[in-house]
Amino acid sequence: MPWEPAEFFASGVYEIDAMLAYAESIRPLVRRQRALDFGCGVGRLTQALARHFEEAVGVDISSAMIEHAKNYDSLENRCRFLLNDTDDLRQFTDGEFDFVYSSITLQHMPPHLAARYIQEFIRVLRPDGLALFQLPSRRRSTLGRLKTAAHEILDPIAGRFGSRPLMRGTPTFSVRRLVTDAGGEILDIAPDESAGPDWESYRYLAARSRS
């Protein structure tokens, strides 16, 4: 069934309202100047973030998605959409954002790339900013974990034919270490259902370390 744009973008407003309320229940934001939407797609969440921040920047690896996002943008003076085709966020300086958000994006990347971006989230955060990102940890069942292991073994072969595993997990302890090594700290970890019923998934709230 084709999606209805108004309903689709309204779901982004609902999501961001809820996620900001959750994040600020743990640590209120000092400023609301700039937000980053990592993996913005057509800008559903970028536009929602722009309702709370002076400027929202959406980045995506797909140039087609960036063009769609610009076409759907109803808040032209407060949203920017940029192509990000590198394995980092080098187009942004250290401490550039008050809030970094990412949902159902990291899970589709090879773990080493997801790890790199998680550390970049911390780098581009202002000292009093917050990063909130979602990532599955592992499949719930033993059979599912065996399937994941098989996918990783076959991945180099499948990649030659344009077929790659649809979902990747990163253990919670690894996410904690990545954030700490980048100079950040985990403020909270909350269960999340974005990866579907077969996966354990979490939302991680992180910040620059104050120590």
N, C-alpha and C. Protein backbone atom coordinates (compact mmCIF):
# COMPACT_ATOMS: atom_id res chain seq x y z
N MET A 1 0.85 -1.19 0.00
CA MET A 1 0.00 0.00 0.00
C MET A 1 0.89 1.25 0.00
N PRO A 2 0.68 2.19 -0.90
CA PRO A 2 1.51 3.39 -0.94
C PRO A 2 1.36 4.22 0.33
N TRP A 3 2.48 4.83 0.74
CA TRP A 3 2.43 5.61 1.96
C TRP A 3 1.92 7.02 1.69
N GLU A 4 1.28 7.56 2.68
CA GLU A 4 0.73 8.92 2.62
C GLU A 4 1.76 9.88 3.22
N PRO A 5 2.30 10.82 2.44
CA PRO A 5 3.36 11.70 2.94
C PRO A 5 3.03 12.39 4.26
N ALA A 6 1.83 12.95 4.38
CA ALA A 6 1.48 13.68 5.61
C ALA A 6 1.54 12.76 6.83
N GLU A 7 1.01 11.57 6.68
CA GLU A 7 1.03 10.61 7.79
C GLU A 7 2.46 10.15 8.09
N PHE A 8 3.22 9.93 7.03
CA PHE A 8 4.61 9.49 7.17
C PHE A 8 5.43 10.52 7.95
N PHE A 9 5.36 11.77 7.56
CA PHE A 9 6.14 12.81 8.24
C PHE A 9 5.60 13.09 9.64
N ALA A 10 4.30 12.92 9.83
CA ALA A 10 3.74 13.08 11.18
C ALA A 10 4.30 12.02 12.14
N SER A 11 4.59 10.84 11.62
CA SER A 11 5.17 9.79 12.47
C SER A 11 6.56 10.20 12.94
N GLY A 12 7.28 10.97 12.13
CA GLY A 12 8.58 11.48 12.54
C GLY A 12 8.47 12.47 13.68
N VAL A 13 7.46 13.33 13.62
CA VAL A 13 7.23 14.30 14.70
C VAL A 13 6.94 13.56 16.00
N TYR A 14 6.12 12.56 15.93
CA TYR A 14 5.78 11.76 17.11
C TYR A 14 7.04 11.11 17.68
N GLU A 15 7.86 10.52 16.81
CA GLU A 15 9.07 9.84 17.28
C GLU A 15 10.05 10.80 17.94
N ILE A 16 10.33 11.91 17.29
CA ILE A 16 11.30 12.86 17.84
C ILE A 16 10.79 13.49 19.13
N ASP A 17 9.51 13.83 19.18
CA ASP A 17 8.95 14.37 20.42
C ASP A 17 9.18 13.41 21.58
N ALA A 18 8.90 12.13 21.32
CA ALA A 18 9.04 11.12 22.37
C ALA A 18 10.50 10.90 22.76
N MET A 19 11.38 10.84 21.77
CA MET A 19 12.79 10.56 22.04
C MET A 19 13.48 11.74 22.73
N LEU A 20 13.12 12.96 22.36
CA LEU A 20 13.71 14.11 23.05
C LEU A 20 13.22 14.18 24.50
N ALA A 21 11.95 13.89 24.70
CA ALA A 21 11.42 13.89 26.07
C ALA A 21 12.14 12.84 26.91
N TYR A 22 12.36 11.68 26.34
CA TYR A 22 13.11 10.63 27.05
C TYR A 22 14.54 11.08 27.36
N ALA A 23 15.25 11.61 26.34
CA ALA A 23 16.64 12.03 26.54
C ALA A 23 16.75 13.12 27.61
N GLU A 24 15.85 14.09 27.54
CA GLU A 24 15.96 15.21 28.49
C GLU A 24 15.42 14.85 29.87
N SER A 25 14.73 13.73 30.00
CA SER A 25 14.37 13.28 31.34
C SER A 25 15.60 12.78 32.09
N ILE A 26 16.65 12.49 31.36
CA ILE A 26 17.90 12.00 31.95
C ILE A 26 18.94 13.11 32.05
N ARG A 27 19.07 13.91 31.00
CA ARG A 27 19.96 15.07 31.04
C ARG A 27 19.41 16.14 30.12
N PRO A 28 18.89 17.22 30.65
CA PRO A 28 18.33 18.29 29.81
C PRO A 28 19.41 18.91 28.91
N LEU A 29 19.02 19.25 27.70
CA LEU A 29 19.92 19.94 26.79
C LEU A 29 20.10 21.39 27.22
N VAL A 30 21.33 21.86 27.15
CA VAL A 30 21.62 23.24 27.51
C VAL A 30 21.25 24.18 26.36
N ARG A 31 21.51 23.71 25.12
CA ARG A 31 21.22 24.52 23.94
C ARG A 31 20.49 23.67 22.90
N ARG A 32 19.75 24.36 22.05
CA ARG A 32 19.07 23.68 20.95
C ARG A 32 19.36 24.43 19.65
N GLN A 33 20.62 24.50 19.31
CA GLN A 33 21.01 25.21 18.09
C GLN A 33 21.05 24.28 16.88
N ARG A 34 21.84 23.20 16.95
CA ARG A 34 22.01 22.34 15.77
C ARG A 34 21.83 20.88 16.14
N ALA A 35 21.12 20.15 15.29
CA ALA A 35 20.92 18.72 15.46
C ALA A 35 21.35 17.99 14.19
N LEU A 36 21.83 16.77 14.35
CA LEU A 36 22.23 15.94 13.23
C LEU A 36 21.35 14.70 13.17
N ASP A 37 20.79 14.45 11.99
CA ASP A 37 20.01 13.24 11.73
C ASP A 37 20.86 12.34 10.82
N PHE A 38 21.41 11.28 11.40
CA PHE A 38 22.30 10.40 10.65
C PHE A 38 21.51 9.28 9.99
N GLY A 39 21.59 9.21 8.65
CA GLY A 39 20.78 8.25 7.90
C GLY A 39 19.40 8.82 7.68
N CYS A 40 19.35 10.02 7.12
CA CYS A 40 18.10 10.81 7.11
C CYS A 40 17.06 10.31 6.13
N GLY A 41 17.46 9.53 5.10
CA GLY A 41 16.47 9.11 4.11
C GLY A 41 15.83 10.32 3.46
N VAL A 42 14.52 10.35 3.43
CA VAL A 42 13.80 11.47 2.79
C VAL A 42 13.52 12.62 3.77
N GLY A 43 14.13 12.58 4.94
CA GLY A 43 14.04 13.71 5.86
C GLY A 43 12.90 13.66 6.86
N ARG A 44 12.33 12.49 7.06
CA ARG A 44 11.20 12.37 7.99
C ARG A 44 11.58 12.87 9.39
N LEU A 45 12.74 12.46 9.88
CA LEU A 45 13.15 12.85 11.23
C LEU A 45 13.89 14.18 11.24
N THR A 46 14.52 14.53 10.14
CA THR A 46 15.21 15.82 10.06
C THR A 46 14.22 16.96 10.23
N GLN A 47 13.11 16.88 9.51
CA GLN A 47 12.10 17.92 9.64
C GLN A 47 11.53 17.97 11.05
N ALA A 48 11.37 16.81 11.65
CA ALA A 48 10.85 16.78 13.02
C ALA A 48 11.85 17.42 13.98
N LEU A 49 13.14 17.16 13.78
CA LEU A 49 14.17 17.77 14.63
C LEU A 49 14.19 19.29 14.46
N ALA A 50 13.93 19.76 13.25
CA ALA A 50 13.95 21.20 12.99
C ALA A 50 12.87 21.95 13.74
N ARG A 51 11.88 21.26 14.24
CA ARG A 51 10.84 21.89 15.05
C ARG A 51 11.34 22.18 16.47
N HIS A 52 12.46 21.54 16.83
CA HIS A 52 13.01 21.69 18.18
C HIS A 52 14.36 22.42 18.21
N PHE A 53 15.02 22.53 17.05
CA PHE A 53 16.34 23.13 16.98
C PHE A 53 16.36 24.23 15.92
N GLU A 54 17.29 25.15 16.06
CA GLU A 54 17.39 26.24 15.09
C GLU A 54 17.73 25.71 13.70
N GLU A 55 18.53 24.63 13.65
CA GLU A 55 18.87 24.02 12.38
C GLU A 55 19.01 22.51 12.57
N ALA A 56 18.51 21.75 11.61
CA ALA A 56 18.67 20.30 11.61
C ALA A 56 19.36 19.91 10.31
N VAL A 57 20.41 19.09 10.46
CA VAL A 57 21.19 18.65 9.31
C VAL A 57 20.96 17.15 9.12
N GLY A 58 20.49 16.78 7.94
CA GLY A 58 20.30 15.37 7.63
C GLY A 58 21.39 14.89 6.68
N VAL A 59 21.99 13.75 6.98
CA VAL A 59 23.00 13.17 6.09
C VAL A 59 22.59 11.76 5.70
N ASP A 60 22.95 11.40 4.48
CA ASP A 60 22.64 10.05 4.00
C ASP A 60 23.67 9.66 2.95
N ILE A 61 23.87 8.36 2.80
CA ILE A 61 24.84 7.86 1.83
C ILE A 61 24.28 7.87 0.41
N SER A 62 22.98 8.02 0.29
CA SER A 62 22.30 7.95 -1.01
C SER A 62 22.01 9.35 -1.54
N SER A 63 22.56 9.67 -2.71
CA SER A 63 22.29 10.98 -3.31
C SER A 63 20.82 11.10 -3.71
N ALA A 64 20.20 9.96 -4.08
CA ALA A 64 18.78 9.99 -4.44
C ALA A 64 17.93 10.36 -3.23
N MET A 65 18.26 9.80 -2.07
CA MET A 65 17.53 10.13 -0.85
C MET A 65 17.68 11.60 -0.49
N ILE A 66 18.88 12.13 -0.67
CA ILE A 66 19.11 13.54 -0.36
C ILE A 66 18.25 14.43 -1.26
N GLU A 67 18.14 14.07 -2.52
CA GLU A 67 17.31 14.86 -3.43
C GLU A 67 15.83 14.77 -3.05
N HIS A 68 15.38 13.58 -2.68
CA HIS A 68 13.99 13.42 -2.23
C HIS A 68 13.75 14.26 -0.97
N ALA A 69 14.73 14.22 -0.04
CA ALA A 69 14.58 14.98 1.20
C ALA A 69 14.44 16.47 0.92
N LYS A 70 15.23 16.97 0.00
CA LYS A 70 15.13 18.39 -0.36
C LYS A 70 13.78 18.72 -0.97
N ASN A 71 13.27 17.80 -1.78
CA ASN A 71 11.98 18.04 -2.43
C ASN A 71 10.83 18.01 -1.44
N TYR A 72 10.94 17.18 -0.41
CA TYR A 72 9.87 17.07 0.59
C TYR A 72 10.00 18.10 1.71
N ASP A 73 11.09 18.81 1.75
CA ASP A 73 11.36 19.73 2.86
C ASP A 73 10.33 20.85 2.92
N SER A 74 9.62 20.91 4.01
CA SER A 74 8.63 21.98 4.22
C SER A 74 9.15 23.05 5.17
N LEU A 75 10.40 22.89 5.64
CA LEU A 75 11.01 23.84 6.57
C LEU A 75 12.35 24.26 6.00
N GLU A 76 12.34 24.82 4.81
CA GLU A 76 13.56 25.04 4.04
C GLU A 76 14.60 25.88 4.76
N ASN A 77 14.19 26.78 5.59
CA ASN A 77 15.15 27.65 6.26
C ASN A 77 15.79 27.00 7.49
N ARG A 78 15.31 25.81 7.86
CA ARG A 78 15.82 25.20 9.09
C ARG A 78 16.41 23.81 8.86
N CYS A 79 16.30 23.30 7.66
CA CYS A 79 16.84 21.97 7.34
C CYS A 79 17.94 22.10 6.28
N ARG A 80 18.98 21.27 6.45
CA ARG A 80 20.00 21.11 5.42
C ARG A 80 20.18 19.62 5.18
N PHE A 81 20.34 19.22 3.93
CA PHE A 81 20.52 17.82 3.60
C PHE A 81 21.82 17.66 2.82
N LEU A 82 22.71 16.80 3.36
CA LEU A 82 24.05 16.65 2.80
C LEU A 82 24.36 15.19 2.53
N LEU A 83 25.03 14.95 1.41
CA LEU A 83 25.50 13.61 1.09
C LEU A 83 26.70 13.28 1.96
N ASN A 84 26.71 12.09 2.54
CA ASN A 84 27.85 11.65 3.34
C ASN A 84 28.29 10.29 2.80
N ASP A 85 29.26 10.30 1.89
CA ASP A 85 29.69 9.06 1.24
C ASP A 85 31.06 8.58 1.71
N THR A 86 31.44 8.99 2.93
CA THR A 86 32.69 8.52 3.53
C THR A 86 32.36 7.65 4.74
N ASP A 87 33.37 6.97 5.28
CA ASP A 87 33.14 6.10 6.43
C ASP A 87 33.30 6.84 7.75
N ASP A 88 33.18 8.17 7.69
CA ASP A 88 33.23 9.00 8.90
C ASP A 88 32.38 10.24 8.66
N LEU A 89 32.48 11.18 9.59
CA LEU A 89 31.73 12.44 9.46
C LEU A 89 32.70 13.61 9.32
N ARG A 90 33.68 13.42 8.48
CA ARG A 90 34.76 14.40 8.36
C ARG A 90 34.30 15.77 7.88
N GLN A 91 33.12 15.83 7.26
CA GLN A 91 32.63 17.14 6.80
C GLN A 91 32.16 18.02 7.95
N PHE A 92 32.14 17.46 9.16
CA PHE A 92 31.75 18.24 10.34
C PHE A 92 32.92 18.36 11.30
N THR A 93 33.02 19.51 11.95
CA THR A 93 34.10 19.75 12.90
C THR A 93 33.76 19.17 14.27
N ASP A 94 34.75 19.09 15.13
CA ASP A 94 34.53 18.61 16.49
C ASP A 94 33.54 19.53 17.21
N GLY A 95 32.64 18.92 17.98
CA GLY A 95 31.74 19.69 18.82
C GLY A 95 30.77 20.58 18.08
N GLU A 96 30.26 20.12 16.95
CA GLU A 96 29.41 20.98 16.12
C GLU A 96 27.93 20.88 16.43
N PHE A 97 27.50 19.81 17.11
CA PHE A 97 26.07 19.56 17.29
C PHE A 97 25.66 19.45 18.76
N ASP A 98 24.45 19.94 19.03
CA ASP A 98 23.87 19.79 20.37
C ASP A 98 23.20 18.42 20.53
N PHE A 99 22.76 17.86 19.42
CA PHE A 99 22.02 16.60 19.48
C PHE A 99 22.30 15.80 18.22
N VAL A 100 22.61 14.53 18.39
CA VAL A 100 22.81 13.61 17.27
C VAL A 100 21.82 12.47 17.42
N TYR A 101 21.10 12.18 16.35
CA TYR A 101 20.07 11.13 16.40
C TYR A 101 20.24 10.18 15.23
N SER A 102 20.08 8.88 15.50
CA SER A 102 20.13 7.88 14.44
C SER A 102 19.26 6.70 14.82
N SER A 103 18.39 6.30 13.90
CA SER A 103 17.49 5.17 14.13
C SER A 103 17.37 4.33 12.87
N ILE A 104 17.37 3.02 13.03
CA ILE A 104 17.28 2.01 11.96
C ILE A 104 18.23 2.32 10.80
N THR A 105 19.44 2.74 11.13
CA THR A 105 20.47 3.00 10.13
C THR A 105 21.73 2.18 10.39
N LEU A 106 22.28 2.28 11.59
CA LEU A 106 23.51 1.56 11.93
C LEU A 106 23.35 0.06 11.77
N GLN A 107 22.14 -0.45 11.96
CA GLN A 107 21.91 -1.88 11.92
C GLN A 107 22.09 -2.48 10.52
N HIS A 108 22.10 -1.65 9.51
CA HIS A 108 22.27 -2.13 8.14
C HIS A 108 23.70 -2.01 7.64
N MET A 109 24.62 -1.67 8.54
CA MET A 109 26.03 -1.52 8.17
C MET A 109 26.86 -2.67 8.71
N PRO A 110 27.98 -2.99 8.05
CA PRO A 110 28.93 -3.89 8.66
C PRO A 110 29.36 -3.34 10.03
N PRO A 111 29.56 -4.20 11.02
CA PRO A 111 29.85 -3.72 12.38
C PRO A 111 31.01 -2.73 12.47
N HIS A 112 32.06 -2.92 11.66
CA HIS A 112 33.21 -2.01 11.78
C HIS A 112 32.84 -0.59 11.33
N LEU A 113 31.91 -0.47 10.38
CA LEU A 113 31.46 0.87 9.97
C LEU A 113 30.55 1.49 11.02
N ALA A 114 29.64 0.69 11.57
CA ALA A 114 28.77 1.19 12.64
C ALA A 114 29.62 1.68 13.80
N ALA A 115 30.67 0.92 14.13
CA ALA A 115 31.56 1.32 15.23
C ALA A 115 32.22 2.66 14.95
N ARG A 116 32.67 2.85 13.71
CA ARG A 116 33.33 4.11 13.36
C ARG A 116 32.37 5.29 13.51
N TYR A 117 31.15 5.11 13.05
CA TYR A 117 30.18 6.20 13.13
C TYR A 117 29.78 6.50 14.56
N ILE A 118 29.65 5.48 15.40
CA ILE A 118 29.32 5.72 16.80
C ILE A 118 30.37 6.63 17.44
N GLN A 119 31.63 6.37 17.16
CA GLN A 119 32.68 7.22 17.72
C GLN A 119 32.66 8.62 17.12
N GLU A 120 32.25 8.71 15.85
CA GLU A 120 32.10 10.02 15.24
C GLU A 120 30.96 10.81 15.88
N PHE A 121 29.90 10.12 16.29
CA PHE A 121 28.80 10.81 16.98
C PHE A 121 29.34 11.57 18.20
N ILE A 122 30.22 10.92 18.94
CA ILE A 122 30.78 11.55 20.14
C ILE A 122 31.67 12.73 19.75
N ARG A 123 32.46 12.55 18.71
CA ARG A 123 33.37 13.62 18.29
C ARG A 123 32.64 14.90 17.90
N VAL A 124 31.54 14.76 17.16
CA VAL A 124 30.85 15.96 16.67
C VAL A 124 29.90 16.58 17.69
N LEU A 125 29.78 15.95 18.85
CA LEU A 125 28.92 16.49 19.92
C LEU A 125 29.59 17.64 20.64
N ARG A 126 28.81 18.65 20.99
CA ARG A 126 29.30 19.66 21.91
C ARG A 126 29.43 19.05 23.31
N PRO A 127 30.24 19.65 24.16
CA PRO A 127 30.46 19.07 25.49
C PRO A 127 29.18 18.87 26.29
N ASP A 128 28.17 19.70 26.05
CA ASP A 128 26.92 19.57 26.78
C ASP A 128 25.81 18.97 25.91
N GLY A 129 26.19 18.34 24.79
CA GLY A 129 25.21 17.76 23.88
C GLY A 129 24.87 16.31 24.22
N LEU A 130 23.95 15.75 23.43
CA LEU A 130 23.51 14.38 23.62
C LEU A 130 23.46 13.65 22.28
N ALA A 131 23.81 12.38 22.31
CA ALA A 131 23.65 11.51 21.15
C ALA A 131 22.69 10.39 21.53
N LEU A 132 21.73 10.12 20.68
CA LEU A 132 20.77 9.05 20.92
C LEU A 132 20.71 8.21 19.65
N PHE A 133 21.13 6.96 19.76
CA PHE A 133 21.15 6.10 18.57
C PHE A 133 20.68 4.70 18.91
N GLN A 134 20.11 4.05 17.90
CA GLN A 134 19.55 2.70 18.04
C GLN A 134 20.43 1.69 17.33
N LEU A 135 20.58 0.53 17.96
CA LEU A 135 21.39 -0.53 17.37
C LEU A 135 20.98 -1.87 17.97
N PRO A 136 20.76 -2.89 17.12
CA PRO A 136 20.48 -4.23 17.67
C PRO A 136 21.74 -4.82 18.30
N SER A 137 21.53 -5.70 19.24
CA SER A 137 22.63 -6.36 19.93
C SER A 137 22.87 -7.77 19.37
N ARG A 138 21.82 -8.59 19.40
CA ARG A 138 21.95 -9.95 18.88
C ARG A 138 20.56 -10.50 18.61
N ARG A 139 20.52 -11.58 17.86
CA ARG A 139 19.24 -12.26 17.65
C ARG A 139 18.80 -12.91 18.95
N ARG A 140 17.50 -13.03 19.13
CA ARG A 140 16.97 -13.55 20.38
C ARG A 140 17.17 -15.06 20.52
N SER A 141 17.07 -15.80 19.42
CA SER A 141 17.12 -17.25 19.51
C SER A 141 18.49 -17.79 19.12
N THR A 142 18.79 -19.01 19.59
CA THR A 142 20.03 -19.66 19.22
C THR A 142 20.10 -19.90 17.72
N LEU A 143 18.97 -20.33 17.12
CA LEU A 143 18.92 -20.55 15.69
C LEU A 143 19.20 -19.25 14.94
N GLY A 144 18.63 -18.17 15.43
CA GLY A 144 18.87 -16.88 14.80
C GLY A 144 20.33 -16.48 14.86
N ARG A 145 20.99 -16.75 15.99
CA ARG A 145 22.40 -16.41 16.12
C ARG A 145 23.26 -17.26 15.19
N LEU A 146 22.85 -18.51 14.97
CA LEU A 146 23.56 -19.36 14.01
C LEU A 146 23.41 -18.81 12.59
N LYS A 147 22.22 -18.31 12.27
CA LYS A 147 22.00 -17.70 10.96
C LYS A 147 22.90 -16.48 10.77
N THR A 148 23.01 -15.67 11.82
CA THR A 148 23.87 -14.50 11.74
C THR A 148 25.31 -14.90 11.50
N ALA A 149 25.78 -15.93 12.22
CA ALA A 149 27.15 -16.41 12.03
C ALA A 149 27.37 -16.89 10.60
N ALA A 150 26.38 -17.61 10.06
CA ALA A 150 26.48 -18.09 8.68
C ALA A 150 26.54 -16.94 7.69
N HIS A 151 25.73 -15.90 7.95
CA HIS A 151 25.76 -14.73 7.07
C HIS A 151 27.14 -14.09 7.05
N GLU A 152 27.77 -14.00 8.21
CA GLU A 152 29.08 -13.35 8.28
C GLU A 152 30.13 -14.16 7.52
N ILE A 153 30.02 -15.49 7.56
CA ILE A 153 30.96 -16.34 6.84
C ILE A 153 30.78 -16.18 5.33
N LEU A 154 29.52 -16.13 4.91
CA LEU A 154 29.20 -16.07 3.49
C LEU A 154 29.21 -14.65 2.93
N ASP A 155 29.35 -13.67 3.80
CA ASP A 155 29.22 -12.28 3.38
C ASP A 155 30.15 -11.88 2.23
N PRO A 156 31.43 -12.22 2.27
CA PRO A 156 32.31 -11.81 1.16
C PRO A 156 31.85 -12.37 -0.18
N ILE A 157 31.29 -13.59 -0.17
CA ILE A 157 30.81 -14.20 -1.41
C ILE A 157 29.53 -13.52 -1.86
N ALA A 158 28.60 -13.33 -0.90
CA ALA A 158 27.31 -12.72 -1.24
C ALA A 158 27.49 -11.30 -1.75
N GLY A 159 28.49 -10.60 -1.18
CA GLY A 159 28.70 -9.22 -1.58
C GLY A 159 29.05 -9.06 -3.04
N ARG A 160 29.68 -10.06 -3.64
CA ARG A 160 30.04 -9.99 -5.05
C ARG A 160 28.81 -9.96 -5.94
N PHE A 161 27.72 -10.50 -5.45
CA PHE A 161 26.50 -10.59 -6.25
C PHE A 161 25.44 -9.58 -5.81
N GLY A 162 25.87 -8.61 -4.99
CA GLY A 162 24.95 -7.55 -4.59
C GLY A 162 23.99 -7.94 -3.50
N SER A 163 24.22 -9.06 -2.85
CA SER A 163 23.32 -9.50 -1.78
C SER A 163 24.08 -9.51 -0.46
N ARG A 164 23.58 -8.78 0.52
CA ARG A 164 24.26 -8.70 1.81
C ARG A 164 23.23 -8.88 2.92
N PRO A 165 23.69 -9.33 4.12
CA PRO A 165 22.76 -9.47 5.24
C PRO A 165 22.04 -8.16 5.52
N LEU A 166 20.77 -8.25 5.85
CA LEU A 166 19.96 -7.06 6.05
C LEU A 166 20.13 -6.45 7.44
N MET A 167 20.59 -7.24 8.39
CA MET A 167 20.66 -6.75 9.76
C MET A 167 21.97 -7.18 10.41
N ARG A 168 22.57 -6.25 11.14
CA ARG A 168 23.82 -6.54 11.85
C ARG A 168 23.64 -6.12 13.30
N GLY A 169 24.25 -6.88 14.19
CA GLY A 169 24.18 -6.57 15.61
C GLY A 169 25.54 -6.22 16.19
N THR A 170 25.55 -5.40 17.24
CA THR A 170 26.76 -5.06 17.98
C THR A 170 26.46 -5.24 19.46
N PRO A 171 27.20 -6.10 20.15
CA PRO A 171 26.92 -6.35 21.58
C PRO A 171 26.96 -5.06 22.39
N THR A 172 26.17 -5.03 23.43
CA THR A 172 26.09 -3.84 24.27
C THR A 172 27.44 -3.47 24.88
N PHE A 173 28.20 -4.47 25.30
CA PHE A 173 29.50 -4.16 25.91
C PHE A 173 30.43 -3.51 24.89
N SER A 174 30.30 -3.87 23.61
CA SER A 174 31.12 -3.26 22.58
C SER A 174 30.73 -1.81 22.35
N VAL A 175 29.44 -1.53 22.41
CA VAL A 175 28.97 -0.14 22.24
C VAL A 175 29.50 0.71 23.40
N ARG A 176 29.42 0.18 24.60
CA ARG A 176 29.95 0.91 25.76
C ARG A 176 31.43 1.25 25.56
N ARG A 177 32.20 0.27 25.11
CA ARG A 177 33.63 0.49 24.93
C ARG A 177 33.91 1.51 23.83
N LEU A 178 33.16 1.42 22.74
CA LEU A 178 33.34 2.37 21.64
C LEU A 178 33.11 3.81 22.11
N VAL A 179 32.03 4.00 22.85
CA VAL A 179 31.71 5.35 23.34
C VAL A 179 32.78 5.84 24.31
N THR A 180 33.21 4.98 25.21
CA THR A 180 34.24 5.36 26.18
C THR A 180 35.55 5.70 25.50
N ASP A 181 35.96 4.87 24.54
CA ASP A 181 37.22 5.10 23.82
C ASP A 181 37.19 6.40 23.03
N ALA A 182 36.00 6.84 22.65
CA ALA A 182 35.86 8.09 21.89
C ALA A 182 35.79 9.31 22.81
N GLY A 183 35.90 9.09 24.12
CA GLY A 183 35.82 10.19 25.06
C GLY A 183 34.42 10.50 25.53
N GLY A 184 33.53 9.53 25.41
CA GLY A 184 32.16 9.74 25.83
C GLY A 184 31.75 8.84 26.96
N GLU A 185 30.48 8.92 27.33
CA GLU A 185 29.92 8.08 28.38
C GLU A 185 28.49 7.72 28.01
N ILE A 186 28.10 6.52 28.39
CA ILE A 186 26.72 6.08 28.20
C ILE A 186 25.90 6.55 29.39
N LEU A 187 24.83 7.29 29.12
CA LEU A 187 23.96 7.78 30.19
C LEU A 187 22.81 6.84 30.46
N ASP A 188 22.36 6.12 29.42
CA ASP A 188 21.24 5.20 29.61
C ASP A 188 21.17 4.25 28.41
N ILE A 189 20.65 3.06 28.67
CA ILE A 189 20.39 2.08 27.62
C ILE A 189 18.96 1.61 27.80
N ALA A 190 18.15 1.75 26.75
CA ALA A 190 16.73 1.41 26.84
C ALA A 190 16.37 0.38 25.77
N PRO A 191 15.59 -0.64 26.12
CA PRO A 191 15.14 -1.62 25.10
C PRO A 191 14.36 -0.92 24.00
N ASP A 192 14.46 -1.48 22.80
CA ASP A 192 13.86 -0.86 21.62
C ASP A 192 13.39 -1.97 20.69
N GLU A 193 12.32 -1.72 19.96
CA GLU A 193 11.75 -2.75 19.08
C GLU A 193 11.96 -2.45 17.60
N SER A 194 12.81 -1.49 17.28
CA SER A 194 12.95 -1.06 15.88
C SER A 194 13.53 -2.12 14.97
N ALA A 195 14.29 -3.06 15.52
CA ALA A 195 14.90 -4.10 14.68
C ALA A 195 13.99 -5.29 14.46
N GLY A 196 12.79 -5.26 15.05
CA GLY A 196 11.85 -6.36 14.86
C GLY A 196 11.92 -7.39 15.97
N PRO A 197 10.98 -8.32 15.98
CA PRO A 197 10.86 -9.27 17.09
C PRO A 197 11.99 -10.29 17.19
N ASP A 198 12.76 -10.48 16.14
CA ASP A 198 13.82 -11.48 16.16
C ASP A 198 15.10 -11.00 16.82
N TRP A 199 15.17 -9.69 17.07
CA TRP A 199 16.42 -9.11 17.57
C TRP A 199 16.25 -8.43 18.92
N GLU A 200 17.26 -8.53 19.76
CA GLU A 200 17.39 -7.66 20.93
C GLU A 200 17.96 -6.35 20.41
N SER A 201 17.29 -5.26 20.69
CA SER A 201 17.72 -3.97 20.19
C SER A 201 17.62 -2.93 21.30
N TYR A 202 18.48 -1.93 21.23
CA TYR A 202 18.54 -0.93 22.30
C TYR A 202 18.72 0.47 21.71
N ARG A 203 18.29 1.46 22.48
CA ARG A 203 18.62 2.85 22.21
C ARG A 203 19.64 3.29 23.25
N TYR A 204 20.71 3.87 22.77
CA TYR A 204 21.81 4.31 23.63
C TYR A 204 21.82 5.82 23.71
N LEU A 205 21.79 6.34 24.93
CA LEU A 205 21.91 7.78 25.15
C LEU A 205 23.33 8.04 25.64
N ALA A 206 24.05 8.87 24.89
CA ALA A 206 25.47 9.10 25.20
C ALA A 206 25.78 10.59 25.20
N ALA A 207 26.90 10.92 25.82
CA ALA A 207 27.35 12.30 25.89
C ALA A 207 28.87 12.32 25.96
N ARG A 208 29.44 13.49 25.76
CA ARG A 208 30.88 13.65 25.99
C ARG A 208 31.14 13.47 27.48
N SER A 209 32.22 12.80 27.80
CA SER A 209 32.53 12.55 29.20
C SER A 209 32.90 13.85 29.91
N ARG A 210 32.41 14.00 31.14
CA ARG A 210 32.70 15.20 31.91
C ARG A 210 33.90 15.02 32.82
N SER A 211 34.48 13.84 32.83
CA SER A 211 35.63 13.59 33.72
C SER A 211 36.93 14.10 33.11
